[in-house]
């Protein structure tokens, strides 16, 4: 039976929409424990609200999950994110030892997983998650496109 990634990506899209409503770039992230299907953490982009350039959705979700579980290693967990992670977030994903990364829209300019530096393919990367891309990519992409169109 094929895995259904869409419900978790839809939760990430809801977090992205909430970020957009707060004036942040609409990116959302969800961390899931696949053993029981539990959502461990949800976050949207928050660098403006937090005055923190590292407050990307992925970093915020990783921080929440680590705090909730009392462990900086998130081995066995999965990260769903609406946009291909940047180099900073790819590094955090590696350091957190997340089992799998599932993302929606590709980012040819700022992405670092399948674009740019291809972080997980570098010999200096010590932990490589399984990567699945393109889940609800059109929905994820159109949310970003709409957000930036309204800003212009």
N, C-alpha and C. Protein backbone atom coordinates (compact mmCIF):
# COMPACT_ATOMS: atom_id res chain seq x y z
N UNK A 1 0.84 -1.19 0.00
CA UNK A 1 0.00 0.00 0.00
C UNK A 1 0.89 1.25 0.00
N UNK A 2 0.59 2.17 -0.88
CA UNK A 2 1.37 3.41 -0.99
C UNK A 2 1.09 4.32 0.21
N UNK A 3 2.12 5.02 0.62
CA UNK A 3 1.96 5.96 1.72
C UNK A 3 1.19 7.19 1.26
N UNK A 4 0.42 7.77 2.14
CA UNK A 4 -0.34 8.97 1.81
C UNK A 4 0.31 10.16 2.52
N UNK A 5 1.08 10.92 1.78
CA UNK A 5 1.79 12.07 2.33
C UNK A 5 0.92 13.32 2.38
N UNK A 6 -0.18 13.31 1.63
CA UNK A 6 -0.97 14.53 1.47
C UNK A 6 -1.56 15.10 2.75
N UNK A 7 -2.11 14.30 3.67
CA UNK A 7 -2.69 14.92 4.88
C UNK A 7 -1.67 15.74 5.68
N UNK A 8 -0.45 15.25 5.77
CA UNK A 8 0.58 15.98 6.52
C UNK A 8 1.04 17.21 5.75
N UNK A 9 1.10 17.10 4.42
CA UNK A 9 1.48 18.28 3.64
C UNK A 9 0.36 19.31 3.70
N UNK A 10 -0.87 18.88 3.78
CA UNK A 10 -1.98 19.84 3.92
C UNK A 10 -1.86 20.58 5.26
N UNK A 11 -1.44 19.88 6.30
CA UNK A 11 -1.21 20.55 7.60
C UNK A 11 -0.07 21.56 7.47
N UNK A 12 0.96 21.22 6.72
CA UNK A 12 2.06 22.17 6.48
C UNK A 12 1.56 23.37 5.68
N UNK A 13 0.68 23.13 4.72
CA UNK A 13 0.09 24.23 3.95
C UNK A 13 -0.73 25.16 4.84
N UNK A 14 -1.45 24.60 5.81
CA UNK A 14 -2.20 25.44 6.75
C UNK A 14 -1.25 26.31 7.56
N UNK A 15 -0.13 25.77 7.98
CA UNK A 15 0.87 26.55 8.71
C UNK A 15 1.47 27.63 7.81
N UNK A 16 1.66 27.31 6.54
CA UNK A 16 2.18 28.28 5.58
C UNK A 16 1.17 29.42 5.39
N UNK A 17 -0.09 29.08 5.28
CA UNK A 17 -1.14 30.10 5.13
C UNK A 17 -1.19 31.00 6.35
N UNK A 18 -1.06 30.44 7.53
CA UNK A 18 -1.04 31.24 8.76
C UNK A 18 0.17 32.18 8.77
N UNK A 19 1.30 31.70 8.28
CA UNK A 19 2.49 32.55 8.18
C UNK A 19 2.22 33.71 7.23
N UNK A 20 1.60 33.43 6.09
CA UNK A 20 1.27 34.48 5.12
C UNK A 20 0.36 35.53 5.75
N UNK A 21 -0.63 35.08 6.50
CA UNK A 21 -1.57 36.01 7.15
C UNK A 21 -0.87 36.88 8.18
N UNK A 22 0.26 36.39 8.70
CA UNK A 22 1.06 37.17 9.66
C UNK A 22 2.11 38.03 8.96
N UNK A 23 2.11 38.02 7.60
CA UNK A 23 3.05 38.82 6.86
C UNK A 23 4.38 38.15 6.58
N UNK A 24 4.49 36.88 6.90
CA UNK A 24 5.71 36.11 6.67
C UNK A 24 5.62 35.41 5.31
N UNK A 25 6.76 35.05 4.75
CA UNK A 25 6.76 34.24 3.52
C UNK A 25 6.07 32.92 3.86
N UNK A 26 5.09 32.51 3.05
CA UNK A 26 4.28 31.35 3.40
C UNK A 26 4.97 30.00 3.18
N UNK A 27 5.71 29.60 4.20
CA UNK A 27 6.31 28.27 4.23
C UNK A 27 5.87 27.64 5.54
N UNK A 28 5.44 26.39 5.47
CA UNK A 28 5.02 25.68 6.66
C UNK A 28 5.71 24.34 6.76
N UNK A 29 5.87 23.87 7.99
CA UNK A 29 6.56 22.60 8.24
C UNK A 29 5.84 21.82 9.33
N UNK A 30 5.86 20.51 9.18
CA UNK A 30 5.23 19.60 10.13
C UNK A 30 6.20 18.45 10.38
N UNK A 31 6.39 18.10 11.63
CA UNK A 31 7.20 16.93 11.97
C UNK A 31 6.26 15.84 12.48
N UNK A 32 6.43 14.65 11.91
CA UNK A 32 5.52 13.53 12.16
C UNK A 32 6.31 12.33 12.67
N UNK A 33 5.71 11.61 13.61
CA UNK A 33 6.25 10.32 14.03
C UNK A 33 5.52 9.25 13.21
N UNK A 34 6.18 8.67 12.22
CA UNK A 34 5.49 7.70 11.36
C UNK A 34 5.09 6.42 12.08
N UNK A 35 5.66 6.17 13.25
CA UNK A 35 5.31 4.96 14.00
C UNK A 35 3.85 4.98 14.43
N UNK A 36 3.33 6.18 14.74
CA UNK A 36 1.95 6.27 15.19
C UNK A 36 1.13 7.32 14.45
N UNK A 37 1.77 8.03 13.49
CA UNK A 37 1.07 9.04 12.71
C UNK A 37 0.87 10.36 13.44
N UNK A 38 1.44 10.48 14.64
CA UNK A 38 1.26 11.69 15.44
C UNK A 38 2.05 12.86 14.87
N UNK A 39 1.39 14.02 14.80
CA UNK A 39 2.09 15.26 14.46
C UNK A 39 2.76 15.74 15.75
N UNK A 40 4.08 15.82 15.71
CA UNK A 40 4.87 16.19 16.88
C UNK A 40 5.03 17.71 16.97
N UNK A 41 5.15 18.38 15.81
CA UNK A 41 5.34 19.83 15.80
C UNK A 41 4.86 20.40 14.47
N UNK A 42 4.33 21.63 14.55
CA UNK A 42 3.90 22.38 13.37
C UNK A 42 4.44 23.79 13.52
N UNK A 43 4.94 24.35 12.42
CA UNK A 43 5.44 25.72 12.46
C UNK A 43 5.38 26.35 11.08
N UNK A 44 5.29 27.67 11.08
CA UNK A 44 5.39 28.43 9.85
C UNK A 44 6.59 29.34 9.95
N UNK A 45 6.95 29.93 8.83
CA UNK A 45 8.05 30.89 8.83
C UNK A 45 7.76 32.00 9.84
N UNK A 46 8.80 32.46 10.56
CA UNK A 46 8.61 33.51 11.57
C UNK A 46 9.82 34.42 11.75
N UNK A 47 10.64 34.65 10.73
CA UNK A 47 11.80 35.53 10.96
C UNK A 47 11.43 36.97 11.27
N UNK A 48 10.34 37.46 10.69
CA UNK A 48 9.94 38.85 10.95
C UNK A 48 9.39 38.96 12.36
N UNK A 49 8.44 38.10 12.70
CA UNK A 49 7.82 38.16 14.03
C UNK A 49 8.85 37.95 15.14
N UNK A 50 9.76 37.03 14.92
CA UNK A 50 10.74 36.73 15.95
C UNK A 50 12.02 37.53 15.85
N UNK A 51 12.09 38.40 14.83
CA UNK A 51 13.32 39.15 14.57
C UNK A 51 14.52 38.21 14.63
N UNK A 52 14.34 37.08 13.91
CA UNK A 52 15.32 36.00 13.93
C UNK A 52 15.48 35.46 12.52
N UNK A 53 16.60 35.75 11.86
CA UNK A 53 16.78 35.28 10.49
C UNK A 53 16.83 33.76 10.36
N UNK A 54 17.01 33.05 11.46
CA UNK A 54 17.03 31.58 11.40
C UNK A 54 15.65 30.97 11.63
N UNK A 55 14.63 31.77 11.81
CA UNK A 55 13.30 31.25 12.15
C UNK A 55 12.53 30.80 10.91
N UNK A 56 13.18 29.99 10.08
CA UNK A 56 12.48 29.36 8.97
C UNK A 56 11.56 28.29 9.54
N UNK A 57 10.53 27.94 8.78
CA UNK A 57 9.54 26.97 9.26
C UNK A 57 10.19 25.66 9.73
N UNK A 58 11.17 25.18 8.96
CA UNK A 58 11.82 23.92 9.31
C UNK A 58 12.54 24.01 10.65
N UNK A 59 13.29 25.10 10.84
CA UNK A 59 14.04 25.30 12.09
C UNK A 59 13.07 25.41 13.27
N UNK A 60 12.00 26.18 13.07
CA UNK A 60 11.01 26.34 14.16
C UNK A 60 10.37 25.01 14.52
N UNK A 61 10.03 24.21 13.51
CA UNK A 61 9.43 22.90 13.78
C UNK A 61 10.42 21.97 14.47
N UNK A 62 11.67 21.98 14.03
CA UNK A 62 12.70 21.15 14.67
C UNK A 62 12.87 21.55 16.12
N UNK A 63 12.91 22.85 16.40
CA UNK A 63 13.05 23.33 17.79
C UNK A 63 11.88 22.88 18.64
N UNK A 64 10.66 23.01 18.11
CA UNK A 64 9.47 22.59 18.87
C UNK A 64 9.49 21.08 19.15
N UNK A 65 9.83 20.30 18.13
CA UNK A 65 9.85 18.83 18.30
C UNK A 65 10.92 18.43 19.31
N UNK A 66 12.10 19.01 19.20
CA UNK A 66 13.19 18.68 20.13
C UNK A 66 12.80 19.04 21.56
N UNK A 67 12.17 20.20 21.73
CA UNK A 67 11.73 20.61 23.06
C UNK A 67 10.66 19.66 23.60
N UNK A 68 9.69 19.32 22.76
CA UNK A 68 8.60 18.43 23.19
C UNK A 68 9.12 17.05 23.58
N UNK A 69 10.09 16.54 22.80
CA UNK A 69 10.60 15.19 23.05
C UNK A 69 11.77 15.17 24.02
N UNK A 70 12.32 16.34 24.34
CA UNK A 70 13.46 16.40 25.24
C UNK A 70 14.71 15.78 24.65
N UNK A 71 14.86 15.92 23.33
CA UNK A 71 16.02 15.33 22.66
C UNK A 71 16.32 16.13 21.40
N UNK A 72 17.57 16.48 21.20
CA UNK A 72 17.94 17.21 19.99
C UNK A 72 18.04 16.31 18.77
N UNK A 73 18.05 15.02 18.98
CA UNK A 73 18.05 14.05 17.88
C UNK A 73 16.61 13.62 17.63
N UNK A 74 16.18 13.77 16.40
CA UNK A 74 14.81 13.43 16.02
C UNK A 74 14.79 12.20 15.11
N UNK A 75 15.65 11.26 15.43
CA UNK A 75 15.81 10.03 14.66
C UNK A 75 14.46 9.33 14.52
N UNK A 76 14.16 8.90 13.32
CA UNK A 76 12.91 8.17 13.07
C UNK A 76 11.75 9.06 12.67
N UNK A 77 11.89 10.37 12.85
CA UNK A 77 10.79 11.28 12.53
C UNK A 77 10.91 11.80 11.10
N UNK A 78 9.79 12.33 10.61
CA UNK A 78 9.73 12.84 9.25
C UNK A 78 9.37 14.31 9.26
N UNK A 79 9.97 15.07 8.34
CA UNK A 79 9.69 16.49 8.19
C UNK A 79 8.98 16.72 6.87
N UNK A 80 7.82 17.33 6.94
CA UNK A 80 7.07 17.76 5.76
C UNK A 80 7.22 19.27 5.69
N UNK A 81 7.60 19.79 4.53
CA UNK A 81 7.74 21.24 4.38
C UNK A 81 7.25 21.62 2.99
N UNK A 82 6.63 22.79 2.90
CA UNK A 82 6.00 23.20 1.65
C UNK A 82 6.98 23.64 0.58
N UNK A 83 8.21 23.98 0.96
CA UNK A 83 9.21 24.46 0.01
C UNK A 83 10.53 23.74 0.24
N UNK A 84 11.22 23.46 -0.84
CA UNK A 84 12.54 22.83 -0.75
C UNK A 84 13.43 23.60 0.24
N UNK A 85 14.01 22.94 1.22
CA UNK A 85 14.82 23.62 2.23
C UNK A 85 16.07 24.30 1.66
N UNK A 86 16.43 25.41 2.31
CA UNK A 86 17.67 26.12 1.99
C UNK A 86 18.84 25.37 2.64
N UNK A 87 20.04 25.88 2.43
CA UNK A 87 21.24 25.23 2.99
C UNK A 87 21.21 25.21 4.52
N UNK A 88 20.77 26.31 5.14
CA UNK A 88 20.72 26.35 6.60
C UNK A 88 19.77 25.27 7.13
N UNK A 89 18.60 25.17 6.52
CA UNK A 89 17.62 24.19 6.99
C UNK A 89 18.06 22.76 6.68
N UNK A 90 18.69 22.56 5.53
CA UNK A 90 19.22 21.22 5.21
C UNK A 90 20.24 20.81 6.26
N UNK A 91 21.09 21.74 6.69
CA UNK A 91 22.06 21.44 7.74
C UNK A 91 21.37 21.05 9.03
N UNK A 92 20.33 21.79 9.40
CA UNK A 92 19.59 21.48 10.62
C UNK A 92 18.91 20.11 10.53
N UNK A 93 18.37 19.80 9.36
CA UNK A 93 17.73 18.49 9.15
C UNK A 93 18.74 17.38 9.36
N UNK A 94 19.93 17.58 8.83
CA UNK A 94 21.00 16.59 8.98
C UNK A 94 21.41 16.46 10.45
N UNK A 95 21.63 17.57 11.12
CA UNK A 95 22.04 17.53 12.53
C UNK A 95 20.97 16.92 13.42
N UNK A 96 19.70 17.11 13.07
CA UNK A 96 18.59 16.55 13.86
C UNK A 96 18.41 15.06 13.59
N UNK A 97 19.05 14.56 12.54
CA UNK A 97 18.97 13.15 12.17
C UNK A 97 17.56 12.71 11.79
N UNK A 98 16.81 13.62 11.15
CA UNK A 98 15.47 13.27 10.69
C UNK A 98 15.56 12.14 9.67
N UNK A 99 14.64 11.21 9.77
CA UNK A 99 14.65 10.02 8.91
C UNK A 99 14.31 10.34 7.46
N UNK A 100 13.33 11.23 7.31
CA UNK A 100 12.85 11.51 5.95
C UNK A 100 12.41 12.95 5.83
N UNK A 101 12.70 13.53 4.67
CA UNK A 101 12.26 14.88 4.30
C UNK A 101 11.29 14.75 3.15
N UNK A 102 10.11 15.31 3.32
CA UNK A 102 9.11 15.32 2.26
C UNK A 102 8.79 16.78 2.01
N UNK A 103 9.01 17.25 0.78
CA UNK A 103 8.69 18.65 0.51
C UNK A 103 7.83 18.80 -0.72
N UNK A 104 7.21 19.98 -0.81
CA UNK A 104 6.28 20.26 -1.90
C UNK A 104 6.95 20.92 -3.09
N UNK A 105 7.04 22.23 -3.07
CA UNK A 105 7.54 23.00 -4.21
C UNK A 105 9.06 23.00 -4.25
N UNK A 106 9.59 22.86 -5.45
CA UNK A 106 11.04 23.00 -5.65
C UNK A 106 11.40 24.47 -5.57
N UNK A 107 12.65 24.77 -5.20
CA UNK A 107 13.13 26.14 -5.13
C UNK A 107 14.45 26.23 -5.88
N UNK A 108 14.36 26.60 -7.15
CA UNK A 108 15.56 26.62 -8.00
C UNK A 108 16.54 27.73 -7.60
N UNK A 109 16.06 28.75 -6.88
CA UNK A 109 16.94 29.85 -6.47
C UNK A 109 17.57 29.63 -5.10
N UNK A 110 16.79 29.21 -4.14
CA UNK A 110 17.29 29.10 -2.78
C UNK A 110 17.34 27.70 -2.21
N UNK A 111 16.83 26.74 -2.95
CA UNK A 111 16.82 25.37 -2.46
C UNK A 111 18.22 24.77 -2.42
N UNK A 112 18.41 23.84 -1.49
CA UNK A 112 19.74 23.25 -1.33
C UNK A 112 19.69 21.72 -1.27
N UNK A 113 18.55 21.15 -1.63
CA UNK A 113 18.41 19.69 -1.58
C UNK A 113 18.57 19.10 -2.98
N UNK A 114 17.74 19.51 -3.89
CA UNK A 114 17.83 19.05 -5.27
C UNK A 114 18.31 20.15 -6.21
N UNK A 115 18.55 21.33 -5.66
CA UNK A 115 19.08 22.47 -6.40
C UNK A 115 20.29 23.01 -5.65
N UNK A 116 20.94 24.01 -6.23
CA UNK A 116 22.06 24.66 -5.55
C UNK A 116 23.11 23.67 -5.08
N UNK A 117 23.50 23.76 -3.81
CA UNK A 117 24.61 22.94 -3.32
C UNK A 117 24.29 21.46 -3.13
N UNK A 118 23.02 21.08 -3.23
CA UNK A 118 22.65 19.67 -3.01
C UNK A 118 23.32 19.14 -1.73
N UNK A 119 22.95 19.77 -0.67
CA UNK A 119 23.60 19.59 0.64
C UNK A 119 23.80 18.13 1.03
N UNK A 120 22.78 17.32 0.87
CA UNK A 120 22.86 15.93 1.34
C UNK A 120 23.81 15.08 0.50
N UNK A 121 24.20 15.56 -0.66
CA UNK A 121 25.13 14.81 -1.52
C UNK A 121 26.58 15.15 -1.22
N UNK A 122 26.83 16.12 -0.35
CA UNK A 122 28.20 16.54 -0.07
C UNK A 122 28.89 15.54 0.85
N UNK A 123 30.17 15.31 0.64
CA UNK A 123 30.89 14.34 1.48
C UNK A 123 31.00 14.79 2.94
N UNK A 124 30.83 16.07 3.20
CA UNK A 124 30.90 16.57 4.57
C UNK A 124 29.57 16.42 5.32
N UNK A 125 28.53 15.99 4.63
CA UNK A 125 27.23 15.76 5.26
C UNK A 125 27.26 14.39 5.94
N UNK A 126 27.07 14.38 7.24
CA UNK A 126 27.19 13.14 8.00
C UNK A 126 25.89 12.34 8.12
N UNK A 127 24.76 12.98 7.86
CA UNK A 127 23.48 12.28 7.96
C UNK A 127 22.62 12.70 6.78
N UNK A 128 22.11 11.74 6.03
CA UNK A 128 21.31 12.02 4.86
C UNK A 128 19.92 11.40 5.03
N UNK A 129 18.89 12.24 5.07
CA UNK A 129 17.54 11.68 5.15
C UNK A 129 17.11 11.16 3.78
N UNK A 130 16.14 10.30 3.78
CA UNK A 130 15.48 9.95 2.53
C UNK A 130 14.73 11.21 2.09
N UNK A 131 14.71 11.51 0.81
CA UNK A 131 14.05 12.72 0.31
C UNK A 131 12.96 12.34 -0.68
N UNK A 132 11.78 12.91 -0.46
CA UNK A 132 10.66 12.77 -1.38
C UNK A 132 10.21 14.18 -1.72
N UNK A 133 10.17 14.49 -3.00
CA UNK A 133 9.80 15.85 -3.40
C UNK A 133 8.55 15.85 -4.26
N UNK A 134 7.95 17.03 -4.37
CA UNK A 134 6.81 17.21 -5.27
C UNK A 134 5.45 16.89 -4.69
N UNK A 135 5.35 16.67 -3.39
CA UNK A 135 4.05 16.36 -2.77
C UNK A 135 3.22 17.64 -2.70
N UNK A 136 2.08 17.64 -3.37
CA UNK A 136 1.20 18.81 -3.48
C UNK A 136 1.99 20.04 -3.97
N UNK A 137 2.92 19.80 -4.87
CA UNK A 137 3.81 20.87 -5.36
C UNK A 137 3.03 22.05 -5.93
N UNK A 138 1.97 21.79 -6.69
CA UNK A 138 1.21 22.89 -7.29
C UNK A 138 0.56 23.76 -6.22
N UNK A 139 -0.02 23.14 -5.20
CA UNK A 139 -0.64 23.91 -4.11
C UNK A 139 0.40 24.72 -3.36
N UNK A 140 1.53 24.10 -3.08
CA UNK A 140 2.60 24.78 -2.34
C UNK A 140 3.15 25.95 -3.16
N UNK A 141 3.36 25.73 -4.43
CA UNK A 141 3.90 26.76 -5.31
C UNK A 141 2.92 27.90 -5.48
N UNK A 142 1.63 27.60 -5.69
CA UNK A 142 0.67 28.68 -5.90
C UNK A 142 0.48 29.55 -4.68
N UNK A 143 0.63 28.99 -3.49
CA UNK A 143 0.54 29.81 -2.28
C UNK A 143 1.67 30.85 -2.27
N UNK A 144 2.86 30.42 -2.61
CA UNK A 144 4.00 31.34 -2.67
C UNK A 144 3.82 32.38 -3.79
N UNK A 145 3.41 31.92 -4.96
CA UNK A 145 3.21 32.82 -6.10
C UNK A 145 2.19 33.89 -5.77
N UNK A 146 1.07 33.50 -5.19
CA UNK A 146 0.02 34.44 -4.81
C UNK A 146 0.51 35.45 -3.80
N UNK A 147 1.25 34.98 -2.82
CA UNK A 147 1.78 35.85 -1.77
C UNK A 147 2.67 36.94 -2.38
N UNK A 148 3.60 36.54 -3.24
CA UNK A 148 4.52 37.51 -3.83
C UNK A 148 3.84 38.41 -4.85
N UNK A 149 2.84 37.89 -5.56
CA UNK A 149 2.08 38.71 -6.51
C UNK A 149 1.37 39.85 -5.76
N UNK A 150 0.79 39.54 -4.61
CA UNK A 150 0.10 40.56 -3.81
C UNK A 150 1.06 41.61 -3.26
N UNK A 151 2.31 41.25 -3.07
CA UNK A 151 3.32 42.15 -2.53
C UNK A 151 3.85 43.14 -3.57
N UNK A 152 3.71 42.78 -4.86
CA UNK A 152 4.28 43.63 -5.93
C UNK A 152 3.41 44.79 -6.27
